[in-house]
Amino acid sequence: MTALATLSSKFQISIPKEVRDEQHWEAGQEFVFILKGKGVLLMPVPELRQLAGMAKGADTSDYRDRQDRY
């Protein structure tokens, strides 16, 4: 999919409808901009409920806590 957008004089970009629909993005959703060379990676900020279970099965045997710091 190729979609184009133009930066406005107020430094705003409208995300094309086909991209919003494909990614299931909605109004009010927060995004983070990650610099990549001369470009930018745009990622939605996940909601807390989306992160639940993310580390299930992770090895915690070498866990570092606050007492390990200087």
PDB file of N, CA and C in Angstrom:
ATOM      1  N   MET A   1       0.849  -1.179   0.000  1.00  0.00           N
ATOM      2  CA  MET A   1       0.000   0.000   0.000  1.00  0.00           C
ATOM      3  C   MET A   1       0.890   1.236   0.000  1.00  0.00           C
ATOM      4  N   THR A   2       0.588   2.158  -0.856  1.00  0.00           N
ATOM      5  CA  THR A   2       1.278   3.433  -0.890  1.00  0.00           C
ATOM      6  C   THR A   2       0.263   4.532  -0.623  1.00  0.00           C
ATOM      7  N   ALA A   3       0.550   5.358   0.366  1.00  0.00           N
ATOM      8  CA  ALA A   3      -0.337   6.465   0.701  1.00  0.00           C
ATOM      9  C   ALA A   3       0.526   7.703   0.931  1.00  0.00           C
ATOM     10  N   LEU A   4       0.061   8.827   0.485  1.00  0.00           N
ATOM     11  CA  LEU A   4       0.799  10.073   0.636  1.00  0.00           C
ATOM     12  C   LEU A   4       0.034  11.043   1.526  1.00  0.00           C
ATOM     13  N   ALA A   5       0.793  11.888   2.214  1.00  0.00           N
ATOM     14  CA  ALA A   5       0.205  12.958   3.023  1.00  0.00           C
ATOM     15  C   ALA A   5       1.109  14.177   2.894  1.00  0.00           C
ATOM     16  N   THR A   6       0.573  15.350   3.104  1.00  0.00           N
ATOM     17  CA  THR A   6       1.319  16.592   2.991  1.00  0.00           C
ATOM     18  C   THR A   6       1.372  17.292   4.342  1.00  0.00           C
ATOM     19  N   LEU A   7       2.545  17.772   4.702  1.00  0.00           N
ATOM     20  CA  LEU A   7       2.722  18.519   5.948  1.00  0.00           C
ATOM     21  C   LEU A   7       2.118  19.907   5.769  1.00  0.00           C
ATOM     22  N   SER A   8       1.197  20.279   6.649  1.00  0.00           N
ATOM     23  CA  SER A   8       0.525  21.580   6.534  1.00  0.00           C
ATOM     24  C   SER A   8       1.404  22.698   7.087  1.00  0.00           C
ATOM     25  N   SER A   9       0.974  23.935   6.903  1.00  0.00           N
ATOM     26  CA  SER A   9       1.714  25.092   7.421  1.00  0.00           C
ATOM     27  C   SER A   9       1.727  25.114   8.947  1.00  0.00           C
ATOM     28  N   LYS A  10       0.826  24.343   9.570  1.00  0.00           N
ATOM     29  CA  LYS A  10       0.782  24.225  11.030  1.00  0.00           C
ATOM     30  C   LYS A  10       1.526  22.969  11.502  1.00  0.00           C
ATOM     31  N   PHE A  11       2.299  22.356  10.587  1.00  0.00           N
ATOM     32  CA  PHE A  11       3.079  21.152  10.863  1.00  0.00           C
ATOM     33  C   PHE A  11       2.201  19.973  11.280  1.00  0.00           C
ATOM     34  N   GLN A  12       1.076  19.827  10.618  1.00  0.00           N
ATOM     35  CA  GLN A  12       0.159  18.717  10.868  1.00  0.00           C
ATOM     36  C   GLN A  12       0.093  17.826   9.636  1.00  0.00           C
ATOM     37  N   ILE A  13      -0.108  16.529   9.876  1.00  0.00           N
ATOM     38  CA  ILE A  13      -0.279  15.567   8.795  1.00  0.00           C
ATOM     39  C   ILE A  13      -1.545  14.776   9.080  1.00  0.00           C
ATOM     40  N   SER A  14      -2.395  14.625   8.081  1.00  0.00           N
ATOM     41  CA  SER A  14      -3.575  13.774   8.211  1.00  0.00           C
ATOM     42  C   SER A  14      -3.193  12.380   7.726  1.00  0.00           C
ATOM     43  N   ILE A  15      -3.471  11.390   8.537  1.00  0.00           N
ATOM     44  CA  ILE A  15      -3.166  10.014   8.166  1.00  0.00           C
ATOM     45  C   ILE A  15      -4.252   9.544   7.202  1.00  0.00           C
ATOM     46  N   PRO A  16      -3.861   9.052   6.027  1.00  0.00           N
ATOM     47  CA  PRO A  16      -4.853   8.627   5.041  1.00  0.00           C
ATOM     48  C   PRO A  16      -5.798   7.560   5.602  1.00  0.00           C
ATOM     49  N   LYS A  17      -7.062   7.612   5.175  1.00  0.00           N
ATOM     50  CA  LYS A  17      -8.099   6.710   5.667  1.00  0.00           C
ATOM     51  C   LYS A  17      -7.725   5.243   5.482  1.00  0.00           C
ATOM     52  N   GLU A  18      -7.135   4.898   4.338  1.00  0.00           N
ATOM     53  CA  GLU A  18      -6.780   3.499   4.097  1.00  0.00           C
ATOM     54  C   GLU A  18      -5.757   2.985   5.110  1.00  0.00           C
ATOM     55  N   VAL A  19      -4.857   3.853   5.568  1.00  0.00           N
ATOM     56  CA  VAL A  19      -3.872   3.470   6.588  1.00  0.00           C
ATOM     57  C   VAL A  19      -4.565   3.319   7.940  1.00  0.00           C
ATOM     58  N   ARG A  20      -5.412   4.303   8.297  1.00  0.00           N
ATOM     59  CA  ARG A  20      -6.144   4.230   9.572  1.00  0.00           C
ATOM     60  C   ARG A  20      -6.986   2.965   9.641  1.00  0.00           C
ATOM     61  N   ASP A  21      -7.677   2.654   8.568  1.00  0.00           N
ATOM     62  CA  ASP A  21      -8.534   1.464   8.546  1.00  0.00           C
ATOM     63  C   ASP A  21      -7.719   0.181   8.648  1.00  0.00           C
ATOM     64  N   GLU A  22      -6.627   0.108   7.906  1.00  0.00           N
ATOM     65  CA  GLU A  22      -5.777  -1.091   7.909  1.00  0.00           C
ATOM     66  C   GLU A  22      -5.174  -1.341   9.296  1.00  0.00           C
ATOM     67  N   GLN A  23      -4.782  -0.252   9.986  1.00  0.00           N
ATOM     68  CA  GLN A  23      -4.133  -0.362  11.290  1.00  0.00           C
ATOM     69  C   GLN A  23      -5.120  -0.302  12.458  1.00  0.00           C
ATOM     70  N   HIS A  24      -6.387  -0.045  12.177  1.00  0.00           N
ATOM     71  CA  HIS A  24      -7.436   0.091  13.206  1.00  0.00           C
ATOM     72  C   HIS A  24      -7.119   1.219  14.192  1.00  0.00           C
ATOM     73  N   TRP A  25      -6.605   2.330  13.661  1.00  0.00           N
ATOM     74  CA  TRP A  25      -6.312   3.498  14.474  1.00  0.00           C
ATOM     75  C   TRP A  25      -7.574   4.348  14.600  1.00  0.00           C
ATOM     76  N   GLU A  26      -7.730   4.967  15.783  1.00  0.00           N
ATOM     77  CA  GLU A  26      -8.915   5.781  16.047  1.00  0.00           C
ATOM     78  C   GLU A  26      -8.517   7.161  16.555  1.00  0.00           C
ATOM     79  N   ALA A  27      -9.432   8.108  16.447  1.00  0.00           N
ATOM     80  CA  ALA A  27      -9.196   9.469  16.935  1.00  0.00           C
ATOM     81  C   ALA A  27      -8.884   9.437  18.424  1.00  0.00           C
ATOM     82  N   GLY A  28      -7.936  10.245  18.845  1.00  0.00           N
ATOM     83  CA  GLY A  28      -7.569  10.321  20.258  1.00  0.00           C
ATOM     84  C   GLY A  28      -6.461   9.366  20.664  1.00  0.00           C
ATOM     85  N   GLN A  29      -6.085   8.456  19.774  1.00  0.00           N
ATOM     86  CA  GLN A  29      -5.030   7.488  20.075  1.00  0.00           C
ATOM     87  C   GLN A  29      -3.687   8.207  20.107  1.00  0.00           C
ATOM     88  N   GLU A  30      -2.803   7.802  21.044  1.00  0.00           N
ATOM     89  CA  GLU A  30      -1.486   8.423  21.165  1.00  0.00           C
ATOM     90  C   GLU A  30      -0.463   7.655  20.339  1.00  0.00           C
ATOM     91  N   PHE A  31       0.527   8.389  19.815  1.00  0.00           N
ATOM     92  CA  PHE A  31       1.582   7.798  19.003  1.00  0.00           C
ATOM     93  C   PHE A  31       2.938   8.285  19.485  1.00  0.00           C
ATOM     94  N   VAL A  32       3.954   7.492  19.207  1.00  0.00           N
ATOM     95  CA  VAL A  32       5.329   7.865  19.513  1.00  0.00           C
ATOM     96  C   VAL A  32       6.076   7.955  18.183  1.00  0.00           C
ATOM     97  N   PHE A  33       6.960   8.937  18.057  1.00  0.00           N
ATOM     98  CA  PHE A  33       7.788   9.117  16.871  1.00  0.00           C
ATOM     99  C   PHE A  33       9.198   8.642  17.207  1.00  0.00           C
ATOM    100  N   ILE A  34       9.699   7.682  16.447  1.00  0.00           N
ATOM    101  CA  ILE A  34      11.033   7.128  16.672  1.00  0.00           C
ATOM    102  C   ILE A  34      11.892   7.504  15.468  1.00  0.00           C
ATOM    103  N   LEU A  35      12.969   8.260  15.725  1.00  0.00           N
ATOM    104  CA  LEU A  35      13.847   8.688  14.639  1.00  0.00           C
ATOM    105  C   LEU A  35      14.626   7.504  14.087  1.00  0.00           C
ATOM    106  N   LYS A  36      14.636   7.365  12.764  1.00  0.00           N
ATOM    107  CA  LYS A  36      15.344   6.295  12.072  1.00  0.00           C
ATOM    108  C   LYS A  36      16.099   6.916  10.903  1.00  0.00           C
ATOM    109  N   GLY A  37      17.369   7.252  11.102  1.00  0.00           N
ATOM    110  CA  GLY A  37      18.149   7.887  10.036  1.00  0.00           C
ATOM    111  C   GLY A  37      17.513   9.200   9.637  1.00  0.00           C
ATOM    112  N   LYS A  38      17.140   9.302   8.355  1.00  0.00           N
ATOM    113  CA  LYS A  38      16.490  10.518   7.865  1.00  0.00           C
ATOM    114  C   LYS A  38      14.975  10.389   7.862  1.00  0.00           C
ATOM    115  N   GLY A  39      14.450   9.303   8.436  1.00  0.00           N
ATOM    116  CA  GLY A  39      13.011   9.075   8.486  1.00  0.00           C
ATOM    117  C   GLY A  39      12.508   8.965   9.909  1.00  0.00           C
ATOM    118  N   VAL A  40      11.249   8.637  10.024  1.00  0.00           N
ATOM    119  CA  VAL A  40      10.593   8.515  11.323  1.00  0.00           C
ATOM    120  C   VAL A  40       9.699   7.284  11.303  1.00  0.00           C
ATOM    121  N   LEU A  41       9.734   6.520  12.390  1.00  0.00           N
ATOM    122  CA  LEU A  41       8.835   5.389  12.566  1.00  0.00           C
ATOM    123  C   LEU A  41       7.713   5.852  13.485  1.00  0.00           C
ATOM    124  N   LEU A  42       6.490   5.697  13.045  1.00  0.00           N
ATOM    125  CA  LEU A  42       5.318   6.124  13.812  1.00  0.00           C
ATOM    126  C   LEU A  42       4.669   4.884  14.407  1.00  0.00           C
ATOM    127  N   MET A  43       4.595   4.816  15.733  1.00  0.00           N
ATOM    128  CA  MET A  43       4.035   3.645  16.415  1.00  0.00           C
ATOM    129  C   MET A  43       2.964   4.085  17.403  1.00  0.00           C
ATOM    130  N   PRO A  44       1.842   3.366  17.460  1.00  0.00           N
ATOM    131  CA  PRO A  44       0.840   3.688  18.472  1.00  0.00           C
ATOM    132  C   PRO A  44       1.342   3.288  19.855  1.00  0.00           C
ATOM    133  N   VAL A  45       1.037   4.089  20.856  1.00  0.00           N
ATOM    134  CA  VAL A  45       1.399   3.766  22.241  1.00  0.00           C
ATOM    135  C   VAL A  45       0.386   2.729  22.724  1.00  0.00           C
ATOM    136  N   PRO A  46       0.861   1.557  23.162  1.00  0.00           N
ATOM    137  CA  PRO A  46      -0.094   0.526  23.588  1.00  0.00           C
ATOM    138  C   PRO A  46      -0.789   0.895  24.893  1.00  0.00           C
ATOM    139  N   GLU A  47      -2.014   0.409  25.032  1.00  0.00           N
ATOM    140  CA  GLU A  47      -2.744   0.578  26.282  1.00  0.00           C
ATOM    141  C   GLU A  47      -2.262  -0.490  27.250  1.00  0.00           C
ATOM    142  N   LEU A  48      -2.396  -0.243  28.548  1.00  0.00           N
ATOM    143  CA  LEU A  48      -1.909  -1.166  29.564  1.00  0.00           C
ATOM    144  C   LEU A  48      -2.498  -2.567  29.392  1.00  0.00           C
ATOM    145  N   ARG A  49      -3.766  -2.651  29.040  1.00  0.00           N
ATOM    146  CA  ARG A  49      -4.407  -3.966  28.883  1.00  0.00           C
ATOM    147  C   ARG A  49      -3.798  -4.759  27.737  1.00  0.00           C
ATOM    148  N   GLN A  50      -3.232  -4.076  26.746  1.00  0.00           N
ATOM    149  CA  GLN A  50      -2.605  -4.751  25.621  1.00  0.00           C
ATOM    150  C   GLN A  50      -1.264  -5.375  26.018  1.00  0.00           C
ATOM    151  N   LEU A  51      -0.679  -4.916  27.116  1.00  0.00           N
ATOM    152  CA  LEU A  51       0.612  -5.422  27.562  1.00  0.00           C
ATOM    153  C   LEU A  51       0.480  -6.603  28.526  1.00  0.00           C
ATOM    154  N   ALA A  52      -0.734  -6.868  29.004  1.00  0.00           N
ATOM    155  CA  ALA A  52      -0.957  -7.955  29.956  1.00  0.00           C
ATOM    156  C   ALA A  52      -0.519  -9.287  29.348  1.00  0.00           C
ATOM    157  N   GLY A  53       0.297 -10.034  30.100  1.00  0.00           N
ATOM    158  CA  GLY A  53       0.755 -11.343  29.661  1.00  0.00           C
ATOM    159  C   GLY A  53       1.939 -11.303  28.713  1.00  0.00           C
ATOM    160  N   MET A  54       2.457 -10.126  28.433  1.00  0.00           N
ATOM    161  CA  MET A  54       3.547  -9.974  27.470  1.00  0.00           C
ATOM    162  C   MET A  54       4.819 -10.724  27.894  1.00  0.00           C
ATOM    163  N   ALA A  55       5.100 -10.774  29.174  1.00  0.00           N
ATOM    164  CA  ALA A  55       6.322 -11.404  29.667  1.00  0.00           C
ATOM    165  C   ALA A  55       6.066 -12.796  30.239  1.00  0.00           C
ATOM    166  N   LYS A  56       4.932 -13.377  29.911  1.00  0.00           N
ATOM    167  CA  LYS A  56       4.593 -14.705  30.418  1.00  0.00           C
ATOM    168  C   LYS A  56       5.679 -15.703  30.011  1.00  0.00           C
ATOM    169  N   GLY A  57       6.185 -16.445  30.988  1.00  0.00           N
ATOM    170  CA  GLY A  57       7.217 -17.440  30.725  1.00  0.00           C
ATOM    171  C   GLY A  57       8.630 -16.878  30.725  1.00  0.00           C
ATOM    172  N   ALA A  58       8.788 -15.594  31.035  1.00  0.00           N
ATOM    173  CA  ALA A  58      10.123 -14.987  31.048  1.00  0.00           C
ATOM    174  C   ALA A  58      10.948 -15.552  32.199  1.00  0.00           C
ATOM    175  N   ASP A  59      12.253 -15.704  31.980  1.00  0.00           N
ATOM    176  CA  ASP A  59      13.169 -16.217  32.997  1.00  0.00           C
ATOM    177  C   ASP A  59      13.487 -15.098  33.990  1.00  0.00           C
ATOM    178  N   THR A  60      13.079 -15.255  35.233  1.00  0.00           N
ATOM    179  CA  THR A  60      13.302 -14.227  36.256  1.00  0.00           C
ATOM    180  C   THR A  60      14.430 -14.607  37.217  1.00  0.00           C
ATOM    181  N   SER A  61      15.196 -15.659  36.900  1.00  0.00           N
ATOM    182  CA  SER A  61      16.255 -16.122  37.811  1.00  0.00           C
ATOM    183  C   SER A  61      17.388 -15.115  37.944  1.00  0.00           C
ATOM    184  N   ASP A  62      17.624 -14.288  36.944  1.00  0.00           N
ATOM    185  CA  ASP A  62      18.707 -13.296  37.004  1.00  0.00           C
ATOM    186  C   ASP A  62      18.121 -11.894  37.090  1.00  0.00           C
ATOM    187  N   TYR A  63      17.016 -11.741  37.829  1.00  0.00           N
ATOM    188  CA  TYR A  63      16.310 -10.470  37.949  1.00  0.00           C
ATOM    189  C   TYR A  63      17.114  -9.492  38.793  1.00  0.00           C
ATOM    190  N   ARG A  64      17.205  -8.257  38.373  1.00  0.00           N
ATOM    191  CA  ARG A  64      17.900  -7.196  39.081  1.00  0.00           C
ATOM    192  C   ARG A  64      16.885  -6.267  39.722  1.00  0.00           C
ATOM    193  N   ASP A  65      17.005  -5.983  41.008  1.00  0.00           N
ATOM    194  CA  ASP A  65      16.078  -5.049  41.633  1.00  0.00           C
ATOM    195  C   ASP A  65      16.834  -3.826  42.146  1.00  0.00           C
ATOM    196  N   ARG A  66      16.153  -2.989  42.884  1.00  0.00           N
ATOM    197  CA  ARG A  66      16.755  -1.731  43.332  1.00  0.00           C
ATOM    198  C   ARG A  66      17.953  -1.931  44.261  1.00  0.00           C
ATOM    199  N   GLN A  67      18.020  -3.043  44.954  1.00  0.00           N
ATOM    200  CA  GLN A  67      19.145  -3.277  45.879  1.00  0.00           C
ATOM    201  C   GLN A  67      20.451  -3.574  45.119  1.00  0.00           C
ATOM    202  N   ASP A  68      20.352  -3.908  43.855  1.00  0.00           N
ATOM    203  CA  ASP A  68      21.541  -4.200  43.057  1.00  0.00           C
ATOM    204  C   ASP A  68      22.224  -2.925  42.543  1.00  0.00           C
ATOM    205  N   ARG A  69      21.590  -1.792  42.724  1.00  0.00           N
ATOM    206  CA  ARG A  69      22.154  -0.532  42.217  1.00  0.00           C
ATOM    207  C   ARG A  69      23.066   0.085  43.270  1.00  0.00           C
ATOM    208  N   TYR A  70      23.876   1.047  42.843  1.00  0.00           N
ATOM    209  CA  TYR A  70      24.744   1.681  43.817  1.00  0.00           C
ATOM    210  C   TYR A  70      24.010   2.671  44.657  1.00  0.00           C
TER     211      TYR A  70
END
